[in-house]
Amino acid sequence: MGLTFKPKGRPKGNKTMNKTTNNKAQPIKADKDKSRDELLNELLEFKVERDILKSSSP
């Protein structure tokens, strides 16, 4: 009988652990997105500059 009760308790514990890990992971994810946007902007600026140089050269 003891074995049948233990699995019932485990999913609840896992759910609470997942909630805390998700809450901790969200700000880190936002920081990653921010840096990715900055990198994309730098790449776009570089591409525009390169295209201007290509079009101005014969």
Foldseek 3Di string as FASTA:
>chain_A
DVVVVVVVVVVVVVVVVVVVVVVVCVVVVVVVVVVVVVVVVVVVVVVVVVVVVVVPDD
